[in-house]
Each structure stands twice: as C-alpha cells, then as structure tokens.
PDB file of N, CA and C in Angstrom:
ATOM      1  N   MET A   1     101.256  74.733 110.129  1.00  0.00           N
ATOM      2  CA  MET A   1     100.160  74.970 111.060  1.00  0.00           C
ATOM      3  C   MET A   1     100.619  74.623 112.475  1.00  0.00           C
ATOM      4  N   PRO A   2     100.075  75.319 113.459  1.00  0.00           N
ATOM      5  CA  PRO A   2     100.478  75.028 114.837  1.00  0.00           C
ATOM      6  C   PRO A   2      99.997  73.658 115.288  1.00  0.00           C
ATOM      7  N   GLU A   3     100.819  73.034 116.118  1.00  0.00           N
ATOM      8  CA  GLU A   3     100.466  71.770 116.764  1.00  0.00           C
ATOM      9  C   GLU A   3     100.065  72.085 118.187  1.00  0.00           C
ATOM     10  N   PHE A   4      98.907  71.619 118.615  1.00  0.00           N
ATOM     11  CA  PHE A   4      98.489  71.882 119.984  1.00  0.00           C
ATOM     12  C   PHE A   4      99.245  70.970 120.937  1.00  0.00           C
ATOM     13  N   VAL A   5      99.816  71.581 121.974  1.00  0.00           N
ATOM     14  CA  VAL A   5     100.659  70.875 122.934  1.00  0.00           C
ATOM     15  C   VAL A   5     100.226  71.287 124.335  1.00  0.00           C
ATOM     16  N   GLU A   6      99.934  70.303 125.163  1.00  0.00           N
ATOM     17  CA  GLU A   6      99.525  70.603 126.531  1.00  0.00           C
ATOM     18  C   GLU A   6     100.644  71.346 127.250  1.00  0.00           C
ATOM     19  N   GLY A   7     100.285  72.424 127.925  1.00  0.00           N
ATOM     20  CA  GLY A   7     101.263  73.219 128.656  1.00  0.00           C
ATOM     21  C   GLY A   7     101.723  74.429 127.862  1.00  0.00           C
ATOM     22  N   ASP A   8     101.992  74.277 126.572  1.00  0.00           N
ATOM     23  CA  ASP A   8     102.418  75.400 125.722  1.00  0.00           C
ATOM     24  C   ASP A   8     101.237  76.046 125.008  1.00  0.00           C
ATOM     25  N   GLY A   9     100.133  75.354 124.898  1.00  0.00           N
ATOM     26  CA  GLY A   9      99.014  75.831 124.092  1.00  0.00           C
ATOM     27  C   GLY A   9      99.186  75.332 122.663  1.00  0.00           C
ATOM     28  N   PHE A  10     100.251  75.766 122.020  1.00  0.00           N
ATOM     29  CA  PHE A  10     100.612  75.238 120.711  1.00  0.00           C
ATOM     30  C   PHE A  10     102.077  75.523 120.440  1.00  0.00           C
ATOM     31  N   ARG A  11     102.587  74.843 119.464  1.00  0.00           N
ATOM     32  CA  ARG A  11     103.929  75.091 118.943  1.00  0.00           C
ATOM     33  C   ARG A  11     103.813  75.169 117.431  1.00  0.00           C
ATOM     34  N   ALA A  12     104.418  76.199 116.879  1.00  0.00           N
ATOM     35  CA  ALA A  12     104.440  76.355 115.427  1.00  0.00           C
ATOM     36  C   ALA A  12     105.899  76.340 114.993  1.00  0.00           C
ATOM     37  N   THR A  13     106.230  75.449 114.101  1.00  0.00           N
ATOM     38  CA  THR A  13     107.598  75.307 113.620  1.00  0.00           C
ATOM     39  C   THR A  13     107.794  76.183 112.398  1.00  0.00           C
ATOM     40  N   LEU A  14     108.867  76.964 112.421  1.00  0.00           N
ATOM     41  CA  LEU A  14     109.190  77.831 111.288  1.00  0.00           C
ATOM     42  C   LEU A  14     109.622  76.971 110.111  1.00  0.00           C
ATOM     43  N   ARG A  15     108.972  77.164 109.009  1.00  0.00           N
ATOM     44  CA  ARG A  15     109.297  76.377 107.820  1.00  0.00           C
ATOM     45  C   ARG A  15     110.351  77.066 106.970  1.00  0.00           C
ATOM     46  N   ARG A  16     110.109  78.336 106.646  1.00  0.00           N
ATOM     47  CA  ARG A  16     111.050  79.027 105.767  1.00  0.00           C
ATOM     48  C   ARG A  16     110.920  80.536 105.963  1.00  0.00           C
ATOM     49  N   PRO A  17     111.928  81.177 106.538  1.00  0.00           N
ATOM     50  CA  PRO A  17     111.877  82.645 106.645  1.00  0.00           C
ATOM     51  C   PRO A  17     112.262  83.271 105.303  1.00  0.00           C
ATOM     52  N   VAL A  18     111.538  84.294 104.916  1.00  0.00           N
ATOM     53  CA  VAL A  18     111.843  85.038 103.694  1.00  0.00           C
ATOM     54  C   VAL A  18     111.917  86.507 104.071  1.00  0.00           C
ATOM     55  N   GLN A  19     113.081  87.102 103.897  1.00  0.00           N
ATOM     56  CA  GLN A  19     113.286  88.508 104.227  1.00  0.00           C
ATOM     57  C   GLN A  19     113.507  89.298 102.942  1.00  0.00           C
ATOM     58  N   SER A  20     112.949  90.501 102.898  1.00  0.00           N
ATOM     59  CA  SER A  20     113.224  91.378 101.767  1.00  0.00           C
ATOM     60  C   SER A  20     114.649  91.904 101.886  1.00  0.00           C
ATOM     61  N   ASP A  21     115.190  92.405 100.784  1.00  0.00           N
ATOM     62  CA  ASP A  21     116.534  92.978 100.820  1.00  0.00           C
ATOM     63  C   ASP A  21     116.597  94.165 101.774  1.00  0.00           C
ATOM     64  N   SER A  22     115.557  95.003 101.777  1.00  0.00           N
ATOM     65  CA  SER A  22     115.575  96.175 102.661  1.00  0.00           C
ATOM     66  C   SER A  22     115.499  95.755 104.135  1.00  0.00           C
ATOM     67  N   PHE A  23     114.741  94.712 104.449  1.00  0.00           N
ATOM     68  CA  PHE A  23     114.679  94.200 105.818  1.00  0.00           C
ATOM     69  C   PHE A  23     116.051  93.686 106.230  1.00  0.00           C
ATOM     70  N   THR A  24     116.709  92.947 105.341  1.00  0.00           N
ATOM     71  CA  THR A  24     118.039  92.398 105.635  1.00  0.00           C
ATOM     72  C   THR A  24     119.059  93.506 105.807  1.00  0.00           C
ATOM     73  N   THR A  25     118.928  94.598 105.059  1.00  0.00           N
ATOM     74  CA  THR A  25     119.835  95.739 105.209  1.00  0.00           C
ATOM     75  C   THR A  25     119.743  96.305 106.621  1.00  0.00           C
ATOM     76  N   ILE A  26     118.536  96.410 107.151  1.00  0.00           N
ATOM     77  CA  ILE A  26     118.335  96.980 108.490  1.00  0.00           C
ATOM     78  C   ILE A  26     118.681  95.979 109.587  1.00  0.00           C
ATOM     79  N   PHE A  27     118.206  94.746 109.451  1.00  0.00           N
ATOM     80  CA  PHE A  27     118.299  93.774 110.546  1.00  0.00           C
ATOM     81  C   PHE A  27     119.342  92.685 110.359  1.00  0.00           C
ATOM     82  N   GLY A  28     119.912  92.594 109.174  1.00  0.00           N
ATOM     83  CA  GLY A  28     120.831  91.505 108.889  1.00  0.00           C
ATOM     84  C   GLY A  28     120.050  90.215 108.702  1.00  0.00           C
ATOM     85  N   ALA A  29     120.742  89.117 108.652  1.00  0.00           N
ATOM     86  CA  ALA A  29     120.079  87.813 108.564  1.00  0.00           C
ATOM     87  C   ALA A  29     119.514  87.542 109.956  1.00  0.00           C
ATOM     88  N   HIS A  30     118.261  87.936 110.158  1.00  0.00           N
ATOM     89  CA  HIS A  30     117.626  87.860 111.481  1.00  0.00           C
ATOM     90  C   HIS A  30     117.671  86.426 112.012  1.00  0.00           C
ATOM     91  N   ASP A  31     117.902  86.306 113.283  1.00  0.00           N
ATOM     92  CA  ASP A  31     117.986  84.997 113.935  1.00  0.00           C
ATOM     93  C   ASP A  31     116.583  84.556 114.350  1.00  0.00           C
ATOM     94  N   TRP A  32     115.814  84.033 113.392  1.00  0.00           N
ATOM     95  CA  TRP A  32     114.460  83.569 113.672  1.00  0.00           C
ATOM     96  C   TRP A  32     114.516  82.295 114.494  1.00  0.00           C
ATOM     97  N   LYS A  33     113.636  82.188 115.465  1.00  0.00           N
ATOM     98  CA  LYS A  33     113.561  80.978 116.279  1.00  0.00           C
ATOM     99  C   LYS A  33     112.985  79.844 115.445  1.00  0.00           C
ATOM    100  N   PRO A  34     113.362  78.619 115.712  1.00  0.00           N
ATOM    101  CA  PRO A  34     112.808  77.490 114.943  1.00  0.00           C
ATOM    102  C   PRO A  34     111.383  77.118 115.359  1.00  0.00           C
ATOM    103  N   VAL A  35     110.973  77.475 116.597  1.00  0.00           N
ATOM    104  CA  VAL A  35     109.647  77.114 117.106  1.00  0.00           C
ATOM    105  C   VAL A  35     109.060  78.315 117.853  1.00  0.00           C
ATOM    106  N   TYR A  36     107.745  78.555 117.648  1.00  0.00           N
ATOM    107  CA  TYR A  36     107.046  79.654 118.318  1.00  0.00           C
ATOM    108  C   TYR A  36     105.857  79.110 119.098  1.00  0.00           C
ATOM    109  N   THR A  37     105.571  79.756 120.240  1.00  0.00           N
ATOM    110  CA  THR A  37     104.429  79.404 121.084  1.00  0.00           C
ATOM    111  C   THR A  37     103.600  80.677 121.309  1.00  0.00           C
ATOM    112  N   PRO A  38     102.427  80.563 121.932  1.00  0.00           N
ATOM    113  CA  PRO A  38     101.614  81.758 122.188  1.00  0.00           C
ATOM    114  C   PRO A  38     102.303  82.779 123.097  1.00  0.00           C
ATOM    115  N   ASP A  39     103.345  82.365 123.804  1.00  0.00           N
ATOM    116  CA  ASP A  39     104.061  83.272 124.710  1.00  0.00           C
ATOM    117  C   ASP A  39     105.065  84.173 123.994  1.00  0.00           C
ATOM    118  N   ASP A  40     105.361  83.888 122.731  1.00  0.00           N
ATOM    119  CA  ASP A  40     106.293  84.715 121.947  1.00  0.00           C
ATOM    120  C   ASP A  40     105.532  85.848 121.277  1.00  0.00           C
ATOM    121  N   ASP A  41     106.226  86.960 121.006  1.00  0.00           N
ATOM    122  CA  ASP A  41     105.593  88.066 120.283  1.00  0.00           C
ATOM    123  C   ASP A  41     105.073  87.605 118.922  1.00  0.00           C
ATOM    124  N   ILE A  42     105.867  86.834 118.214  1.00  0.00           N
ATOM    125  CA  ILE A  42     105.453  86.361 116.893  1.00  0.00           C
ATOM    126  C   ILE A  42     104.469  85.207 117.027  1.00  0.00           C
ATOM    127  N   GLY A  43     104.684  84.321 117.966  1.00  0.00           N
ATOM    128  CA  GLY A  43     103.754  83.220 118.190  1.00  0.00           C
ATOM    129  C   GLY A  43     102.360  83.707 118.533  1.00  0.00           C
ATOM    130  N   ALA A  44     102.269  84.827 119.239  1.00  0.00           N
ATOM    131  CA  ALA A  44     100.966  85.393 119.604  1.00  0.00           C
ATOM    132  C   ALA A  44     100.180  85.853 118.378  1.00  0.00           C
ATOM    133  N   LEU A  45     100.844  86.000 117.245  1.00  0.00           N
ATOM    134  CA  LEU A  45     100.177  86.419 116.010  1.00  0.00           C
ATOM    135  C   LEU A  45      99.500  85.267 115.274  1.00  0.00           C
ATOM    136  N   ILE A  46      99.827  84.046 115.626  1.00  0.00           N
ATOM    137  CA  ILE A  46      99.360  82.892 114.868  1.00  0.00           C
ATOM    138  C   ILE A  46      97.867  82.670 115.107  1.00  0.00           C
ATOM    139  N   PRO A  47      97.079  82.691 114.038  1.00  0.00           N
ATOM    140  CA  PRO A  47      95.637  82.488 114.207  1.00  0.00           C
ATOM    141  C   PRO A  47      95.316  81.038 114.574  1.00  0.00           C
ATOM    142  N   ILE A  48      94.430  80.874 115.548  1.00  0.00           N
ATOM    143  CA  ILE A  48      94.023  79.531 115.981  1.00  0.00           C
ATOM    144  C   ILE A  48      92.499  79.492 116.091  1.00  0.00           C
ATOM    145  N   SER A  49      91.974  78.333 116.372  1.00  0.00           N
ATOM    146  CA  SER A  49      90.535  78.132 116.608  1.00  0.00           C
ATOM    147  C   SER A  49      89.680  78.635 115.452  1.00  0.00           C
ATOM    148  N   GLY A  50      90.091  78.321 114.239  1.00  0.00           N
ATOM    149  CA  GLY A  50      89.294  78.682 113.072  1.00  0.00           C
ATOM    150  C   GLY A  50      89.496  80.095 112.565  1.00  0.00           C
ATOM    151  N   GLN A  51      90.319  80.891 113.253  1.00  0.00           N
ATOM    152  CA  GLN A  51      90.589  82.241 112.763  1.00  0.00           C
ATOM    153  C   GLN A  51      91.396  82.154 111.476  1.00  0.00           C
ATOM    154  N   ARG A  52      91.180  83.090 110.563  1.00  0.00           N
ATOM    155  CA  ARG A  52      91.919  83.116 109.312  1.00  0.00           C
ATOM    156  C   ARG A  52      93.043  84.143 109.344  1.00  0.00           C
ATOM    157  N   SER A  53      92.964  85.095 110.284  1.00  0.00           N
ATOM    158  CA  SER A  53      93.936  86.185 110.332  1.00  0.00           C
ATOM    159  C   SER A  53      94.074  86.673 111.762  1.00  0.00           C
ATOM    160  N   SER A  54      95.205  87.291 112.052  1.00  0.00           N
ATOM    161  CA  SER A  54      95.435  87.819 113.400  1.00  0.00           C
ATOM    162  C   SER A  54      95.001  89.266 113.541  1.00  0.00           C
ATOM    163  N   GLY A  55      94.863  89.979 112.415  1.00  0.00           N
ATOM    164  CA  GLY A  55      94.682  91.421 112.484  1.00  0.00           C
ATOM    165  C   GLY A  55      96.038  92.059 112.738  1.00  0.00           C
ATOM    166  N   GLN A  56      96.128  93.359 112.584  1.00  0.00           N
ATOM    167  CA  GLN A  56      97.408  94.051 112.765  1.00  0.00           C
ATOM    168  C   GLN A  56      97.749  94.195 114.239  1.00  0.00           C
ATOM    169  N   LYS A  57      99.024  93.967 114.545  1.00  0.00           N
ATOM    170  CA  LYS A  57      99.520  94.121 115.910  1.00  0.00           C
ATOM    171  C   LYS A  57     100.877  94.805 115.872  1.00  0.00           C
ATOM    172  N   SER A  58     101.223  95.460 116.960  1.00  0.00           N
ATOM    173  CA  SER A  58     102.525  96.115 117.079  1.00  0.00           C
ATOM    174  C   SER A  58     103.571  95.115 117.524  1.00  0.00           C
ATOM    175  N   LEU A  59     104.797  95.348 117.065  1.00  0.00           N
ATOM    176  CA  LEU A  59     105.906  94.460 117.383  1.00  0.00           C
ATOM    177  C   LEU A  59     107.171  95.311 117.340  1.00  0.00           C
ATOM    178  N   VAL A  60     108.117  95.048 118.214  1.00  0.00           N
ATOM    179  CA  VAL A  60     109.394  95.761 118.214  1.00  0.00           C
ATOM    180  C   VAL A  60     110.501  94.773 117.871  1.00  0.00           C
ATOM    181  N   LEU A  61     111.349  95.139 116.917  1.00  0.00           N
ATOM    182  CA  LEU A  61     112.522  94.330 116.564  1.00  0.00           C
ATOM    183  C   LEU A  61     113.766  95.179 116.759  1.00  0.00           C
ATOM    184  N   LEU A  62     114.869  94.533 117.123  1.00  0.00           N
ATOM    185  CA  LEU A  62     116.148  95.225 117.270  1.00  0.00           C
ATOM    186  C   LEU A  62     116.968  95.031 116.008  1.00  0.00           C
ATOM    187  N   ASP A  63     117.573  96.142 115.537  1.00  0.00           N
ATOM    188  CA  ASP A  63     118.397  96.045 114.330  1.00  0.00           C
ATOM    189  C   ASP A  63     119.812  95.592 114.672  1.00  0.00           C
ATOM    190  N   ARG A  64     120.684  95.625 113.682  1.00  0.00           N
ATOM    191  CA  ARG A  64     122.074  95.171 113.871  1.00  0.00           C
ATOM    192  C   ARG A  64     122.811  95.936 114.963  1.00  0.00           C
ATOM    193  N   ASN A  65     122.416  97.209 115.170  1.00  0.00           N
ATOM    194  CA  ASN A  65     123.073  98.057 116.167  1.00  0.00           C
ATOM    195  C   ASN A  65     122.387  98.010 117.530  1.00  0.00           C
ATOM    196  N   GLY A  66     121.336  97.220 117.636  1.00  0.00           N
ATOM    197  CA  GLY A  66     120.597  97.147 118.891  1.00  0.00           C
ATOM    198  C   GLY A  66     119.537  98.221 119.018  1.00  0.00           C
ATOM    199  N   ASP A  67     119.304  99.012 117.946  1.00  0.00           N
ATOM    200  CA  ASP A  67     118.267 100.041 117.971  1.00  0.00           C
ATOM    201  C   ASP A  67     116.899  99.402 117.769  1.00  0.00           C
ATOM    202  N   ARG A  68     115.914  99.953 118.476  1.00  0.00           N
ATOM    203  CA  ARG A  68     114.549  99.442 118.401  1.00  0.00           C
ATOM    204  C   ARG A  68     113.825  99.993 117.183  1.00  0.00           C
ATOM    205  N   HIS A  69     113.043  99.145 116.546  1.00  0.00           N
ATOM    206  CA  HIS A  69     112.224  99.558 115.404  1.00  0.00           C
ATOM    207  C   HIS A  69     110.794  99.097 115.650  1.00  0.00           C
ATOM    208  N   GLU A  70     109.880 100.063 115.658  1.00  0.00           N
ATOM    209  CA  GLU A  70     108.462  99.736 115.774  1.00  0.00           C
ATOM    210  C   GLU A  70     108.015  99.114 114.454  1.00  0.00           C
ATOM    211  N   CYS A  71     107.332  98.009 114.553  1.00  0.00           N
ATOM    212  CA  CYS A  71     106.860  97.300 113.366  1.00  0.00           C
ATOM    213  C   CYS A  71     105.367  97.039 113.492  1.00  0.00           C
ATOM    214  N   VAL A  72     104.760  96.790 112.360  1.00  0.00           N
ATOM    215  CA  VAL A  72     103.391  96.312 112.337  1.00  0.00           C
ATOM    216  C   VAL A  72     103.459  94.895 111.765  1.00  0.00           C
ATOM    217  N   ALA A  73     102.730  93.988 112.393  1.00  0.00           N
ATOM    218  CA  ALA A  73     102.772  92.589 111.976  1.00  0.00           C
ATOM    219  C   ALA A  73     101.349  92.066 111.840  1.00  0.00           C
ATOM    220  N   GLU A  74     101.199  91.111 110.947  1.00  0.00           N
ATOM    221  CA  GLU A  74      99.898  90.490 110.722  1.00  0.00           C
ATOM    222  C   GLU A  74     100.139  89.085 110.195  1.00  0.00           C
ATOM    223  N   SER A  75      99.272  88.181 110.546  1.00  0.00           N
ATOM    224  CA  SER A  75      99.408  86.817 110.030  1.00  0.00           C
ATOM    225  C   SER A  75      98.095  86.370 109.418  1.00  0.00           C
ATOM    226  N   PHE A  76      98.202  85.405 108.538  1.00  0.00           N
ATOM    227  CA  PHE A  76      97.006  84.812 107.956  1.00  0.00           C
ATOM    228  C   PHE A  76      97.314  83.369 107.590  1.00  0.00           C
ATOM    229  N   THR A  77      96.263  82.598 107.446  1.00  0.00           N
ATOM    230  CA  THR A  77      96.412  81.200 107.099  1.00  0.00           C
ATOM    231  C   THR A  77      95.488  80.846 105.944  1.00  0.00           C
ATOM    232  N   GLN A  78      95.911  79.871 105.169  1.00  0.00           N
ATOM    233  CA  GLN A  78      95.041  79.321 104.138  1.00  0.00           C
ATOM    234  C   GLN A  78      94.836  77.835 104.422  1.00  0.00           C
ATOM    235  N   THR A  79      94.885  77.476 105.680  1.00  0.00           N
ATOM    236  CA  THR A  79      94.633  76.159 106.291  1.00  0.00           C
ATOM    237  C   THR A  79      95.791  75.164 106.197  1.00  0.00           C
ATOM    238  N   HIS A  80      96.788  75.399 105.369  1.00  0.00           N
ATOM    239  CA  HIS A  80      97.930  74.483 105.299  1.00  0.00           C
ATOM    240  C   HIS A  80      99.178  75.051 105.969  1.00  0.00           C
ATOM    241  N   GLN A  81      99.257  76.364 106.004  1.00  0.00           N
ATOM    242  CA  GLN A  81     100.400  77.028 106.637  1.00  0.00           C
ATOM    243  C   GLN A  81      99.988  78.422 107.070  1.00  0.00           C
ATOM    244  N   VAL A  82     100.815  79.024 107.902  1.00  0.00           N
ATOM    245  CA  VAL A  82     100.553  80.365 108.406  1.00  0.00           C
ATOM    246  C   VAL A  82     101.649  81.282 107.875  1.00  0.00           C
ATOM    247  N   PHE A  83     101.251  82.435 107.383  1.00  0.00           N
ATOM    248  CA  PHE A  83     102.193  83.446 106.915  1.00  0.00           C
ATOM    249  C   PHE A  83     102.178  84.607 107.900  1.00  0.00           C
ATOM    250  N   VAL A  84     103.353  85.048 108.316  1.00  0.00           N
ATOM    251  CA  VAL A  84     103.468  86.197 109.205  1.00  0.00           C
ATOM    252  C   VAL A  84     104.216  87.279 108.442  1.00  0.00           C
ATOM    253  N   LEU A  85     103.576  88.436 108.305  1.00  0.00           N
ATOM    254  CA  LEU A  85     104.170  89.567 107.595  1.00  0.00           C
ATOM    255  C   LEU A  85     104.562  90.626 108.607  1.00  0.00           C
ATOM    256  N   ILE A  86     105.795  91.125 108.508  1.00  0.00           N
ATOM    257  CA  ILE A  86     106.296  92.145 109.429  1.00  0.00           C
ATOM    258  C   ILE A  86     106.831  93.298 108.603  1.00  0.00           C
ATOM    259  N   HIS A  87     106.432  94.527 108.960  1.00  0.00           N
ATOM    260  CA  HIS A  87     106.883  95.699 108.226  1.00  0.00           C
ATOM    261  C   HIS A  87     107.307  96.779 109.219  1.00  0.00           C
ATOM    262  N   VAL A  88     108.462  97.403 108.982  1.00  0.00           N
ATOM    263  CA  VAL A  88     108.944  98.492 109.833  1.00  0.00           C
ATOM    264  C   VAL A  88     108.081  99.721 109.553  1.00  0.00           C
ATOM    265  N   ILE A  89     107.492 100.292 110.591  1.00  0.00           N
ATOM    266  CA  ILE A  89     106.551 101.401 110.422  1.00  0.00           C
ATOM    267  C   ILE A  89     107.193 102.614 109.762  1.00  0.00           C
ATOM    268  N   LYS A  90     108.413 102.974 110.149  1.00  0.00           N
ATOM    269  CA  LYS A  90     109.000 104.202 109.608  1.00  0.00           C
ATOM    270  C   LYS A  90     109.298 104.115 108.109  1.00  0.00           C
ATOM    271  N   THR A  91     109.296 102.924 107.545  1.00  0.00           N
ATOM    272  CA  THR A  91     109.543 102.800 106.110  1.00  0.00           C
ATOM    273  C   THR A  91     108.256 102.804 105.294  1.00  0.00           C
ATOM    274  N   LEU A  92     107.123 102.808 105.986  1.00  0.00           N
ATOM    275  CA  LEU A  92     105.855 102.887 105.267  1.00  0.00           C
ATOM    276  C   LEU A  92     105.719 104.277 104.654  1.00  0.00           C
ATOM    277  N   ALA A  93     105.151 104.350 103.500  1.00  0.00           N
ATOM    278  CA  ALA A  93     104.964 105.645 102.838  1.00  0.00           C
ATOM    279  C   ALA A  93     104.036 106.513 103.674  1.00  0.00           C
ATOM    280  N   ALA A  94     104.371 107.789 103.757  1.00  0.00           N
ATOM    281  CA  ALA A  94     103.521 108.733 104.483  1.00  0.00           C
ATOM    282  C   ALA A  94     102.201 108.877 103.721  1.00  0.00           C
ATOM    283  N   PRO A  95     101.104 108.967 104.440  1.00  0.00           N
ATOM    284  CA  PRO A  95      99.822 109.125 103.752  1.00  0.00           C
ATOM    285  C   PRO A  95      99.775 110.441 102.977  1.00  0.00           C
ATOM    286  N   ARG A  96      99.225 110.370 101.806  1.00  0.00           N
ATOM    287  CA  ARG A  96      99.104 111.569 100.969  1.00  0.00           C
ATOM    288  C   ARG A  96      97.720 112.164 101.170  1.00  0.00           C
ATOM    289  N   PRO A  97      97.656 113.489 101.260  1.00  0.00           N
ATOM    290  CA  PRO A  97      96.341 114.108 101.417  1.00  0.00           C
ATOM    291  C   PRO A  97      95.529 113.933 100.126  1.00  0.00           C
ATOM    292  N   ILE A  98      94.251 113.777 100.302  1.00  0.00           N
ATOM    293  CA  ILE A  98      93.346 113.663  99.165  1.00  0.00           C
ATOM    294  C   ILE A  98      92.505 114.931  99.148  1.00  0.00           C
ATOM    295  N   PHE A  99      92.512 115.599  98.022  1.00  0.00           N
ATOM    296  CA  PHE A  99      91.733 116.827  97.884  1.00  0.00           C
ATOM    297  C   PHE A  99      90.536 116.550  96.979  1.00  0.00           C
ATOM    298  N   LEU A 100      89.370 116.842  97.487  1.00  0.00           N
ATOM    299  CA  LEU A 100      88.151 116.659  96.708  1.00  0.00           C
ATOM    300  C   LEU A 100      87.602 118.035  96.359  1.00  0.00           C
ATOM    301  N   THR A 101      87.176 118.182  95.155  1.00  0.00           N
ATOM    302  CA  THR A 101      86.555 119.457  94.764  1.00  0.00           C
ATOM    303  C   THR A 101      85.189 119.159  94.171  1.00  0.00           C
ATOM    304  N   ALA A 102      84.280 119.999  94.492  1.00  0.00           N
ATOM    305  CA  ALA A 102      82.932 119.888  93.939  1.00  0.00           C
ATOM    306  C   ALA A 102      82.887 120.731  92.658  1.00  0.00           C
ATOM    307  N   VAL A 103      82.309 120.184  91.636  1.00  0.00           N
ATOM    308  CA  VAL A 103      82.220 120.909  90.351  1.00  0.00           C
ATOM    309  C   VAL A 103      80.815 121.370  90.136  1.00  0.00           C
TER     310      VAL A 103
END
C-alpha cells in the first residue's frame, strides 16, 4: 500500500513484479522502478483515498528495440496491497461480431 509522504503525495514500494512469458518476450526483464509516486505513469494508477480501482488508463512502454507499445493498464487493491495489470493493446484479441437472429 502507498505511504503518504509530504511533498511526493505518496510513495509505493514495488514488492514483486510478475511478468508473463509473452510480456518478457516483447520487453525483456523490464527494469521496474523500486518506488512509485503520483508523478509516475504507473504511480498515477495507484488507487488512493478509499478507491478500490483506478479504472483503465493508457500507458506506453518501450520494448527491447526501443519501439513504443500502446498498453492498457488498471490497478486495484484489496486493502493490503495494490495490483497493477498492464496489457499490450495489439495483443488483445480482436472483437468478434455477434450476429443475432429473430426466430
């Protein structure tokens, strides 16, 4: 959980990064910062003041080659820790059309 700090607003210490194999293939062993504040892209996702979730937000990450990847990120808390989920948009499955027929 974030610690409130005068001047920074809060600081949240990274406990344990968990990357999927496909994320690691694209980005490598990402260099996650050990501490996040509201001024960071990821720190801005951390819910505070009784919020349980951040809602979806856009985020850009650079891959191993320096190419930009648009991502969607969301965080949530269960009061003991905060989870931040990041997904590369282009790897999301394309929406399938739904056909309805009246009988």
